[in-house]
């Protein structure tokens, strides 16, 4: 678990009781005319701002750089496009240990643009993963099993897919695609 998420989780756990204590002290202030709990108010407000900042950062500043490439495994590919301009490679990312799962992502390399690599697909992996070029710019990514399909046909120049939609909401990635698909 990334350190930023873990820090936010710990602060959120501490923040909940702190908030209830603040509410009780505010009620004492209003009903019994006790002194206003300034320190408690500042501490609670600071914690809320910090947790909100982590949420905003995780949601609106997402990039595919967060993929855990340390535990990645090679998937299908490389598969060359009809003219050889692009190659597509799939990779698997294990998460959660024994009870976890597997994510799949697809990277496309543009050999006419200094071998620039771009992640165009990221999702939970199903039992059958495959890729097929429909034409020079369109890649069909098959990701399905008997009960679930996350297969997509993507124009590699302008479209991406992110299973949870974080890439679609990211302010950092907005210039990297014209169309973003999510679940």
N, C-alpha and C. Protein backbone atom coordinates (compact mmCIF):
# COMPACT_ATOMS: atom_id res chain seq x y z
N UNK A 1 0.85 -1.17 0.00
CA UNK A 1 0.00 0.00 0.00
C UNK A 1 0.91 1.24 0.00
N UNK A 2 0.68 2.16 -0.91
CA UNK A 2 1.52 3.35 -0.96
C UNK A 2 1.50 4.12 0.36
N UNK A 3 2.61 4.74 0.69
CA UNK A 3 2.77 5.43 1.97
C UNK A 3 1.77 6.57 2.12
N UNK A 4 1.42 7.24 1.03
CA UNK A 4 0.47 8.35 1.09
C UNK A 4 -0.91 7.85 1.49
N UNK A 5 -1.33 6.74 0.92
CA UNK A 5 -2.64 6.17 1.25
C UNK A 5 -2.65 5.68 2.70
N UNK A 6 -1.58 5.02 3.11
CA UNK A 6 -1.47 4.53 4.48
C UNK A 6 -1.50 5.67 5.49
N UNK A 7 -0.79 6.74 5.20
CA UNK A 7 -0.79 7.92 6.07
C UNK A 7 -2.19 8.52 6.16
N UNK A 8 -2.86 8.64 5.03
CA UNK A 8 -4.22 9.17 5.02
C UNK A 8 -5.19 8.31 5.81
N UNK A 9 -5.02 6.99 5.71
CA UNK A 9 -5.88 6.06 6.44
C UNK A 9 -5.68 6.20 7.95
N UNK A 10 -4.44 6.29 8.39
CA UNK A 10 -4.15 6.45 9.82
C UNK A 10 -4.72 7.77 10.33
N UNK A 11 -4.53 8.83 9.57
CA UNK A 11 -5.06 10.13 9.99
C UNK A 11 -6.59 10.11 10.02
N UNK A 12 -7.22 9.45 9.05
CA UNK A 12 -8.68 9.36 9.03
C UNK A 12 -9.19 8.59 10.25
N UNK A 13 -8.49 7.54 10.65
CA UNK A 13 -8.90 6.76 11.82
C UNK A 13 -8.80 7.61 13.09
N UNK A 14 -7.76 8.41 13.20
CA UNK A 14 -7.60 9.30 14.35
C UNK A 14 -8.61 10.45 14.27
N UNK A 15 -8.93 10.87 13.08
CA UNK A 15 -9.79 12.03 12.86
C UNK A 15 -11.24 11.77 13.28
N UNK A 16 -11.74 10.57 13.11
CA UNK A 16 -13.14 10.27 13.43
C UNK A 16 -13.43 10.51 14.92
N UNK A 17 -12.67 9.91 15.86
CA UNK A 17 -12.96 10.21 17.27
C UNK A 17 -12.71 11.68 17.61
N UNK A 18 -11.70 12.26 16.99
CA UNK A 18 -11.40 13.67 17.22
C UNK A 18 -12.58 14.55 16.82
N UNK A 19 -13.23 14.20 15.73
CA UNK A 19 -14.39 14.96 15.26
C UNK A 19 -15.55 14.85 16.26
N UNK A 20 -15.79 13.64 16.77
CA UNK A 20 -16.87 13.47 17.74
C UNK A 20 -16.59 14.24 19.04
N UNK A 21 -15.34 14.23 19.47
CA UNK A 21 -14.97 15.02 20.66
C UNK A 21 -15.19 16.50 20.39
N UNK A 22 -14.86 16.96 19.20
CA UNK A 22 -15.09 18.36 18.83
C UNK A 22 -16.57 18.69 18.88
N UNK A 23 -17.41 17.82 18.34
CA UNK A 23 -18.86 18.07 18.34
C UNK A 23 -19.38 18.17 19.77
N UNK A 24 -18.94 17.25 20.64
CA UNK A 24 -19.37 17.29 22.04
C UNK A 24 -18.93 18.60 22.70
N UNK A 25 -17.69 19.00 22.46
CA UNK A 25 -17.19 20.25 23.05
C UNK A 25 -17.89 21.48 22.46
N UNK A 26 -18.24 21.43 21.19
CA UNK A 26 -19.00 22.54 20.61
C UNK A 26 -20.39 22.63 21.23
N UNK A 27 -21.01 21.48 21.50
CA UNK A 27 -22.31 21.49 22.18
C UNK A 27 -22.18 22.07 23.59
N UNK A 28 -21.11 21.71 24.30
CA UNK A 28 -20.87 22.29 25.62
C UNK A 28 -20.70 23.81 25.52
N UNK A 29 -20.01 24.24 24.45
CA UNK A 29 -19.80 25.68 24.24
C UNK A 29 -21.14 26.38 24.03
N UNK A 30 -22.01 25.80 23.23
CA UNK A 30 -23.29 26.43 22.91
C UNK A 30 -24.26 26.35 24.09
N UNK A 31 -24.37 25.18 24.71
CA UNK A 31 -25.39 24.98 25.75
C UNK A 31 -24.93 25.53 27.11
N UNK A 32 -23.72 25.20 27.51
CA UNK A 32 -23.26 25.55 28.86
C UNK A 32 -22.33 26.76 28.90
N UNK A 33 -22.13 27.40 27.79
CA UNK A 33 -21.27 28.58 27.71
C UNK A 33 -19.84 28.30 28.19
N UNK A 34 -19.32 27.12 27.87
CA UNK A 34 -17.94 26.76 28.18
C UNK A 34 -17.03 27.44 27.15
N UNK A 35 -15.69 27.50 27.41
CA UNK A 35 -14.77 28.12 26.44
C UNK A 35 -14.77 27.36 25.10
N UNK A 36 -14.62 28.12 24.01
CA UNK A 36 -14.58 27.51 22.67
C UNK A 36 -13.33 26.65 22.54
N UNK A 37 -13.46 25.39 22.06
CA UNK A 37 -12.32 24.46 21.95
C UNK A 37 -11.44 24.78 20.72
N UNK A 38 -10.63 25.84 20.82
CA UNK A 38 -9.85 26.30 19.67
C UNK A 38 -8.83 25.27 19.18
N UNK A 39 -8.06 24.71 20.10
CA UNK A 39 -7.03 23.74 19.69
C UNK A 39 -7.64 22.51 19.04
N UNK A 40 -8.69 22.00 19.64
CA UNK A 40 -9.37 20.83 19.08
C UNK A 40 -9.95 21.15 17.71
N UNK A 41 -10.51 22.35 17.57
CA UNK A 41 -11.06 22.77 16.29
C UNK A 41 -9.97 22.85 15.22
N UNK A 42 -8.84 23.44 15.57
CA UNK A 42 -7.72 23.57 14.61
C UNK A 42 -7.17 22.20 14.24
N UNK A 43 -7.01 21.32 15.22
CA UNK A 43 -6.49 19.97 14.95
C UNK A 43 -7.44 19.18 14.05
N UNK A 44 -8.73 19.25 14.33
CA UNK A 44 -9.71 18.54 13.50
C UNK A 44 -9.76 19.11 12.09
N UNK A 45 -9.77 20.42 11.99
CA UNK A 45 -9.81 21.06 10.67
C UNK A 45 -8.56 20.73 9.86
N UNK A 46 -7.39 20.73 10.51
CA UNK A 46 -6.14 20.39 9.82
C UNK A 46 -6.19 18.95 9.31
N UNK A 47 -6.66 18.03 10.14
CA UNK A 47 -6.78 16.63 9.72
C UNK A 47 -7.73 16.46 8.55
N UNK A 48 -8.88 17.15 8.61
CA UNK A 48 -9.85 17.06 7.51
C UNK A 48 -9.25 17.60 6.21
N UNK A 49 -8.53 18.69 6.30
CA UNK A 49 -7.90 19.26 5.11
C UNK A 49 -6.86 18.30 4.55
N UNK A 50 -6.08 17.67 5.41
CA UNK A 50 -5.05 16.73 4.97
C UNK A 50 -5.66 15.50 4.29
N UNK A 51 -6.69 14.91 4.90
CA UNK A 51 -7.34 13.73 4.31
C UNK A 51 -8.01 14.12 2.99
N UNK A 52 -8.64 15.27 2.93
CA UNK A 52 -9.26 15.74 1.68
C UNK A 52 -8.22 15.95 0.60
N UNK A 53 -7.06 16.48 0.99
CA UNK A 53 -5.98 16.70 0.02
C UNK A 53 -5.48 15.39 -0.57
N UNK A 54 -5.36 14.37 0.27
CA UNK A 54 -4.93 13.05 -0.22
C UNK A 54 -5.95 12.50 -1.21
N UNK A 55 -7.24 12.61 -0.87
CA UNK A 55 -8.29 12.13 -1.77
C UNK A 55 -8.24 12.88 -3.11
N UNK A 56 -8.13 14.18 -3.05
CA UNK A 56 -8.08 14.98 -4.28
C UNK A 56 -6.86 14.61 -5.11
N UNK A 57 -5.72 14.44 -4.46
CA UNK A 57 -4.50 14.06 -5.17
C UNK A 57 -4.66 12.69 -5.84
N UNK A 58 -5.18 11.71 -5.10
CA UNK A 58 -5.35 10.35 -5.64
C UNK A 58 -6.33 10.35 -6.82
N UNK A 59 -7.36 11.17 -6.75
CA UNK A 59 -8.41 11.17 -7.77
C UNK A 59 -8.05 12.00 -8.99
N UNK A 60 -7.57 13.20 -8.80
CA UNK A 60 -7.41 14.13 -9.91
C UNK A 60 -5.98 14.27 -10.43
N UNK A 61 -5.03 13.60 -9.82
CA UNK A 61 -3.64 13.67 -10.27
C UNK A 61 -3.10 12.27 -10.54
N UNK A 62 -3.97 11.38 -10.99
CA UNK A 62 -3.62 9.99 -11.30
C UNK A 62 -2.77 9.93 -12.57
N UNK A 63 -1.77 9.06 -12.56
CA UNK A 63 -1.04 8.70 -13.78
C UNK A 63 -0.79 7.20 -13.74
N UNK A 64 -0.49 6.63 -14.88
CA UNK A 64 -0.20 5.20 -14.93
C UNK A 64 1.17 4.88 -14.34
N UNK A 65 1.91 5.89 -13.90
CA UNK A 65 3.20 5.65 -13.24
C UNK A 65 3.03 4.92 -11.91
N UNK A 66 1.82 4.90 -11.38
CA UNK A 66 1.55 4.24 -10.10
C UNK A 66 1.47 2.72 -10.23
N UNK A 67 1.52 2.19 -11.43
CA UNK A 67 1.47 0.74 -11.61
C UNK A 67 2.69 0.12 -10.94
N UNK A 68 2.48 -0.94 -10.20
CA UNK A 68 3.56 -1.63 -9.50
C UNK A 68 4.32 -2.50 -10.49
N UNK A 69 5.37 -1.96 -11.05
CA UNK A 69 6.15 -2.68 -12.06
C UNK A 69 7.15 -3.66 -11.43
N UNK A 70 7.29 -3.62 -10.11
CA UNK A 70 8.18 -4.55 -9.42
C UNK A 70 7.62 -5.98 -9.46
N UNK A 71 6.31 -6.10 -9.35
CA UNK A 71 5.69 -7.44 -9.32
C UNK A 71 4.99 -7.78 -10.63
N UNK A 72 5.37 -7.11 -11.71
CA UNK A 72 4.69 -7.35 -12.99
C UNK A 72 5.15 -8.67 -13.62
N UNK A 73 4.24 -9.23 -14.40
CA UNK A 73 4.55 -10.42 -15.18
C UNK A 73 4.18 -10.14 -16.62
N UNK A 74 4.91 -10.71 -17.53
CA UNK A 74 4.68 -10.50 -18.97
C UNK A 74 3.41 -11.23 -19.39
N UNK A 75 2.60 -10.55 -20.19
CA UNK A 75 1.40 -11.13 -20.76
C UNK A 75 1.58 -11.33 -22.25
N UNK A 76 0.48 -11.35 -23.01
CA UNK A 76 0.58 -11.51 -24.46
C UNK A 76 1.36 -10.35 -25.10
N UNK A 77 2.05 -10.67 -26.17
CA UNK A 77 2.77 -9.64 -26.91
C UNK A 77 4.24 -9.92 -26.92
N UNK A 78 4.99 -9.19 -27.70
CA UNK A 78 4.57 -8.04 -28.51
C UNK A 78 3.81 -8.48 -29.77
N UNK A 79 2.79 -7.71 -30.08
CA UNK A 79 2.00 -7.94 -31.28
C UNK A 79 2.13 -6.70 -32.15
N UNK A 80 2.68 -6.86 -33.34
CA UNK A 80 2.93 -5.73 -34.24
C UNK A 80 1.66 -5.37 -35.01
N UNK A 81 1.48 -4.06 -35.23
CA UNK A 81 0.36 -3.59 -36.06
C UNK A 81 0.63 -3.99 -37.51
N UNK A 82 -0.38 -3.91 -38.39
CA UNK A 82 -0.21 -4.37 -39.78
C UNK A 82 0.99 -3.79 -40.51
N UNK A 83 1.32 -2.51 -40.31
CA UNK A 83 2.47 -1.93 -40.99
C UNK A 83 3.73 -1.94 -40.13
N UNK A 84 3.60 -2.36 -38.88
CA UNK A 84 4.74 -2.42 -37.99
C UNK A 84 5.04 -1.12 -37.27
N UNK A 85 4.17 -0.12 -37.43
CA UNK A 85 4.40 1.16 -36.75
C UNK A 85 4.29 1.00 -35.23
N UNK A 86 3.32 0.20 -34.78
CA UNK A 86 3.08 0.01 -33.36
C UNK A 86 3.34 -1.44 -32.95
N UNK A 87 3.69 -1.62 -31.70
CA UNK A 87 3.65 -2.95 -31.09
C UNK A 87 2.89 -2.82 -29.78
N UNK A 88 2.10 -3.84 -29.48
CA UNK A 88 1.31 -3.87 -28.25
C UNK A 88 1.82 -4.98 -27.35
N UNK A 89 1.99 -4.66 -26.07
CA UNK A 89 2.41 -5.63 -25.06
C UNK A 89 1.46 -5.56 -23.88
N UNK A 90 1.10 -6.72 -23.35
CA UNK A 90 0.27 -6.78 -22.15
C UNK A 90 1.12 -7.24 -20.97
N UNK A 91 0.77 -6.73 -19.80
CA UNK A 91 1.49 -7.07 -18.57
C UNK A 91 0.47 -7.32 -17.47
N UNK A 92 0.88 -8.14 -16.50
CA UNK A 92 0.03 -8.43 -15.35
C UNK A 92 0.65 -7.84 -14.09
N UNK A 93 -0.20 -7.30 -13.23
CA UNK A 93 0.22 -6.73 -11.96
C UNK A 93 -0.52 -7.49 -10.85
N UNK A 94 0.23 -8.19 -10.02
CA UNK A 94 -0.36 -8.92 -8.90
C UNK A 94 -0.59 -7.95 -7.75
N UNK A 95 -1.70 -8.13 -7.04
CA UNK A 95 -1.95 -7.27 -5.87
C UNK A 95 -2.65 -8.07 -4.78
N UNK A 96 -2.45 -7.68 -3.55
CA UNK A 96 -3.21 -8.22 -2.43
C UNK A 96 -2.77 -9.56 -1.89
N UNK A 97 -1.63 -10.08 -2.29
CA UNK A 97 -1.15 -11.35 -1.74
C UNK A 97 -2.02 -12.52 -2.14
N UNK A 98 -2.17 -13.49 -1.22
CA UNK A 98 -2.89 -14.73 -1.53
C UNK A 98 -4.37 -14.49 -1.82
N UNK A 99 -4.97 -13.52 -1.18
CA UNK A 99 -6.39 -13.25 -1.37
C UNK A 99 -6.63 -12.15 -2.41
N UNK A 100 -5.58 -11.67 -3.03
CA UNK A 100 -5.69 -10.55 -3.97
C UNK A 100 -6.13 -10.98 -5.35
N UNK A 101 -5.69 -10.25 -6.32
CA UNK A 101 -6.07 -10.51 -7.70
C UNK A 101 -4.98 -10.07 -8.65
N UNK A 102 -5.39 -9.90 -9.90
CA UNK A 102 -4.44 -9.53 -10.95
C UNK A 102 -5.06 -8.42 -11.79
N UNK A 103 -4.26 -7.40 -12.06
CA UNK A 103 -4.64 -6.36 -13.02
C UNK A 103 -3.89 -6.62 -14.31
N UNK A 104 -4.44 -6.15 -15.41
CA UNK A 104 -3.75 -6.25 -16.70
C UNK A 104 -3.67 -4.84 -17.28
N UNK A 105 -2.53 -4.54 -17.90
CA UNK A 105 -2.42 -3.28 -18.63
C UNK A 105 -1.75 -3.54 -19.96
N UNK A 106 -2.08 -2.70 -20.93
CA UNK A 106 -1.55 -2.83 -22.28
C UNK A 106 -0.80 -1.55 -22.63
N UNK A 107 0.43 -1.73 -23.08
CA UNK A 107 1.25 -0.61 -23.53
C UNK A 107 1.45 -0.73 -25.03
N UNK A 108 1.36 0.40 -25.71
CA UNK A 108 1.59 0.46 -27.15
C UNK A 108 2.83 1.31 -27.39
N UNK A 109 3.75 0.79 -28.18
CA UNK A 109 4.97 1.51 -28.53
C UNK A 109 4.84 2.02 -29.96
N UNK A 110 5.05 3.32 -30.15
CA UNK A 110 4.99 3.95 -31.47
C UNK A 110 6.42 4.05 -32.00
N UNK A 111 6.75 3.20 -32.97
CA UNK A 111 8.11 3.15 -33.51
C UNK A 111 8.42 4.33 -34.44
N UNK A 112 7.40 5.06 -34.88
CA UNK A 112 7.62 6.26 -35.71
C UNK A 112 7.77 7.51 -34.85
N UNK A 113 7.66 7.37 -33.55
CA UNK A 113 7.75 8.51 -32.64
C UNK A 113 8.77 8.20 -31.53
N UNK A 114 9.99 7.89 -31.92
CA UNK A 114 11.11 7.62 -31.01
C UNK A 114 10.78 6.52 -30.00
N UNK A 115 10.05 5.50 -30.43
CA UNK A 115 9.66 4.36 -29.59
C UNK A 115 8.94 4.80 -28.31
N UNK A 116 8.11 5.82 -28.44
CA UNK A 116 7.32 6.32 -27.31
C UNK A 116 6.32 5.25 -26.88
N UNK A 117 6.30 4.95 -25.60
CA UNK A 117 5.39 3.95 -25.05
C UNK A 117 4.26 4.64 -24.31
N UNK A 118 3.04 4.13 -24.51
CA UNK A 118 1.85 4.73 -23.91
C UNK A 118 0.96 3.62 -23.38
N UNK A 119 0.49 3.75 -22.14
CA UNK A 119 -0.46 2.79 -21.58
C UNK A 119 -1.84 3.18 -22.06
N UNK A 120 -2.54 2.24 -22.70
CA UNK A 120 -3.87 2.56 -23.24
C UNK A 120 -4.99 1.77 -22.57
N UNK A 121 -4.64 0.77 -21.77
CA UNK A 121 -5.67 -0.09 -21.17
C UNK A 121 -5.20 -0.54 -19.79
N UNK A 122 -6.10 -0.46 -18.78
CA UNK A 122 -5.79 -0.93 -17.44
C UNK A 122 -7.08 -1.40 -16.78
N UNK A 123 -7.09 -2.65 -16.30
CA UNK A 123 -8.30 -3.21 -15.71
C UNK A 123 -7.97 -4.44 -14.88
N UNK A 124 -8.97 -4.94 -14.16
CA UNK A 124 -8.83 -6.24 -13.52
C UNK A 124 -8.74 -7.29 -14.61
N UNK A 125 -7.88 -8.27 -14.42
CA UNK A 125 -7.71 -9.31 -15.44
C UNK A 125 -8.77 -10.39 -15.26
N UNK A 126 -9.32 -10.82 -16.36
CA UNK A 126 -10.20 -11.98 -16.39
C UNK A 126 -9.40 -13.18 -16.89
N UNK A 127 -10.07 -14.31 -17.08
CA UNK A 127 -9.33 -15.54 -17.40
C UNK A 127 -8.78 -15.59 -18.82
N UNK A 128 -9.37 -14.86 -19.76
CA UNK A 128 -8.88 -14.90 -21.13
C UNK A 128 -8.47 -13.50 -21.58
N UNK A 129 -7.17 -13.34 -21.83
CA UNK A 129 -6.61 -12.05 -22.27
C UNK A 129 -6.01 -12.26 -23.65
N UNK A 130 -6.34 -11.38 -24.57
CA UNK A 130 -5.77 -11.45 -25.91
C UNK A 130 -5.81 -10.09 -26.59
N UNK A 131 -5.04 -9.95 -27.66
CA UNK A 131 -5.01 -8.69 -28.40
C UNK A 131 -4.97 -9.00 -29.88
N UNK A 132 -5.62 -8.13 -30.66
CA UNK A 132 -5.63 -8.29 -32.12
C UNK A 132 -5.78 -6.91 -32.75
N UNK A 133 -4.92 -6.63 -33.73
CA UNK A 133 -5.02 -5.36 -34.45
C UNK A 133 -6.14 -5.46 -35.47
N UNK A 134 -7.10 -4.51 -35.42
CA UNK A 134 -8.19 -4.46 -36.39
C UNK A 134 -7.76 -3.69 -37.64
N UNK A 135 -6.94 -2.67 -37.46
CA UNK A 135 -6.28 -1.95 -38.56
C UNK A 135 -5.05 -1.28 -37.96
N UNK A 136 -4.44 -0.37 -38.67
CA UNK A 136 -3.17 0.21 -38.23
C UNK A 136 -3.26 0.94 -36.89
N UNK A 137 -4.41 1.56 -36.61
CA UNK A 137 -4.54 2.37 -35.39
C UNK A 137 -5.51 1.79 -34.36
N UNK A 138 -6.19 0.71 -34.68
CA UNK A 138 -7.22 0.17 -33.78
C UNK A 138 -6.80 -1.20 -33.26
N UNK A 139 -6.74 -1.29 -31.93
CA UNK A 139 -6.36 -2.53 -31.26
C UNK A 139 -7.55 -3.05 -30.47
N UNK A 140 -7.88 -4.33 -30.68
CA UNK A 140 -8.92 -4.99 -29.90
C UNK A 140 -8.25 -5.72 -28.75
N UNK A 141 -8.66 -5.41 -27.54
CA UNK A 141 -8.12 -6.05 -26.34
C UNK A 141 -9.22 -6.90 -25.74
N UNK A 142 -8.98 -8.20 -25.71
CA UNK A 142 -9.95 -9.14 -25.17
C UNK A 142 -9.59 -9.43 -23.72
N UNK A 143 -10.55 -9.21 -22.83
CA UNK A 143 -10.37 -9.45 -21.39
C UNK A 143 -11.71 -9.95 -20.87
N UNK A 144 -11.89 -11.26 -20.88
CA UNK A 144 -13.20 -11.79 -20.53
C UNK A 144 -13.10 -13.17 -19.90
N UNK A 145 -14.18 -13.54 -19.22
CA UNK A 145 -14.38 -14.91 -18.78
C UNK A 145 -15.86 -15.21 -18.96
N UNK A 146 -16.35 -16.30 -18.41
CA UNK A 146 -17.72 -16.71 -18.69
C UNK A 146 -18.76 -15.75 -18.13
N UNK A 147 -18.44 -14.99 -17.10
CA UNK A 147 -19.44 -14.11 -16.49
C UNK A 147 -19.14 -12.62 -16.62
N UNK A 148 -18.00 -12.27 -17.19
CA UNK A 148 -17.59 -10.87 -17.18
C UNK A 148 -16.76 -10.56 -18.43
N UNK A 149 -17.01 -9.41 -19.03
CA UNK A 149 -16.17 -8.99 -20.15
C UNK A 149 -15.77 -7.53 -19.97
N UNK A 150 -14.51 -7.28 -20.16
CA UNK A 150 -13.97 -5.92 -20.14
C UNK A 150 -13.19 -5.70 -21.42
N UNK A 151 -13.63 -6.34 -22.48
CA UNK A 151 -12.97 -6.22 -23.78
C UNK A 151 -13.25 -4.85 -24.37
N UNK A 152 -12.27 -4.31 -25.08
CA UNK A 152 -12.40 -2.98 -25.67
C UNK A 152 -11.70 -2.93 -27.02
N UNK A 153 -12.25 -2.12 -27.90
CA UNK A 153 -11.60 -1.80 -29.17
C UNK A 153 -11.18 -0.34 -29.07
N UNK A 154 -9.87 -0.09 -29.10
CA UNK A 154 -9.35 1.26 -28.86
C UNK A 154 -8.53 1.77 -30.03
N UNK A 155 -8.76 3.03 -30.40
CA UNK A 155 -7.88 3.71 -31.33
C UNK A 155 -6.66 4.15 -30.52
N UNK A 156 -5.50 3.61 -30.83
CA UNK A 156 -4.31 3.83 -29.99
C UNK A 156 -3.82 5.28 -30.02
N UNK A 157 -4.24 6.05 -31.01
CA UNK A 157 -3.83 7.45 -31.08
C UNK A 157 -4.63 8.33 -30.13
N UNK A 158 -5.89 7.96 -29.85
CA UNK A 158 -6.74 8.90 -29.14
C UNK A 158 -7.57 8.34 -28.01
N UNK A 159 -7.57 7.04 -27.75
CA UNK A 159 -8.45 6.48 -26.73
C UNK A 159 -7.68 5.66 -25.70
N UNK A 160 -8.20 5.68 -24.46
CA UNK A 160 -7.67 4.83 -23.40
C UNK A 160 -8.83 4.23 -22.63
N UNK A 161 -8.54 3.19 -21.85
CA UNK A 161 -9.54 2.57 -20.98
C UNK A 161 -8.91 2.38 -19.61
N UNK A 162 -9.64 2.79 -18.58
CA UNK A 162 -9.20 2.54 -17.20
C UNK A 162 -10.40 1.99 -16.44
N UNK A 163 -10.25 0.81 -15.88
CA UNK A 163 -11.35 0.10 -15.23
C UNK A 163 -12.07 0.90 -14.15
N UNK A 164 -11.34 1.61 -13.32
CA UNK A 164 -11.97 2.37 -12.24
C UNK A 164 -12.28 3.81 -12.64
N UNK A 165 -11.79 4.25 -13.77
CA UNK A 165 -12.08 5.60 -14.25
C UNK A 165 -11.16 6.68 -13.72
N UNK A 166 -10.15 6.32 -12.92
CA UNK A 166 -9.25 7.35 -12.39
C UNK A 166 -8.52 8.10 -13.51
N UNK A 167 -8.12 7.40 -14.54
CA UNK A 167 -7.42 8.06 -15.65
C UNK A 167 -8.34 9.04 -16.38
N UNK A 168 -9.63 8.73 -16.40
CA UNK A 168 -10.59 9.61 -17.08
C UNK A 168 -10.82 10.91 -16.30
N UNK A 169 -10.68 10.85 -14.98
CA UNK A 169 -10.88 12.05 -14.15
C UNK A 169 -9.59 12.82 -13.90
N UNK A 170 -8.46 12.26 -14.27
CA UNK A 170 -7.17 12.86 -13.96
C UNK A 170 -6.93 14.15 -14.75
N UNK A 171 -6.57 15.19 -14.03
CA UNK A 171 -6.22 16.46 -14.68
C UNK A 171 -4.85 16.38 -15.34
N UNK A 172 -4.00 15.48 -14.86
CA UNK A 172 -2.66 15.31 -15.40
C UNK A 172 -2.70 14.62 -16.77
N UNK A 173 -3.61 13.68 -16.94
CA UNK A 173 -3.64 12.87 -18.16
C UNK A 173 -4.58 13.39 -19.24
N UNK A 174 -5.28 14.46 -18.99
CA UNK A 174 -6.33 14.91 -19.91
C UNK A 174 -5.82 15.23 -21.32
N UNK A 175 -4.56 15.60 -21.46
CA UNK A 175 -4.00 15.92 -22.77
C UNK A 175 -3.51 14.68 -23.52
N UNK A 176 -3.54 13.51 -22.89
CA UNK A 176 -3.00 12.30 -23.50
C UNK A 176 -4.03 11.49 -24.29
N UNK A 177 -5.29 11.89 -24.26
CA UNK A 177 -6.32 11.14 -24.97
C UNK A 177 -7.46 12.07 -25.37
N UNK A 178 -8.24 11.61 -26.35
CA UNK A 178 -9.45 12.32 -26.73
C UNK A 178 -10.67 11.65 -26.13
N UNK A 179 -10.61 10.31 -26.00
CA UNK A 179 -11.72 9.54 -25.47
C UNK A 179 -11.20 8.62 -24.37
N UNK A 180 -11.90 8.61 -23.24
CA UNK A 180 -11.52 7.73 -22.14
C UNK A 180 -12.74 6.90 -21.75
N UNK A 181 -12.55 5.60 -21.68
CA UNK A 181 -13.61 4.68 -21.30
C UNK A 181 -13.34 4.13 -19.91
N UNK A 182 -14.41 3.84 -19.16
CA UNK A 182 -14.27 3.21 -17.85
C UNK A 182 -15.53 2.39 -17.57
N UNK A 183 -15.49 1.63 -16.48
CA UNK A 183 -16.66 0.82 -16.10
C UNK A 183 -17.74 1.69 -15.53
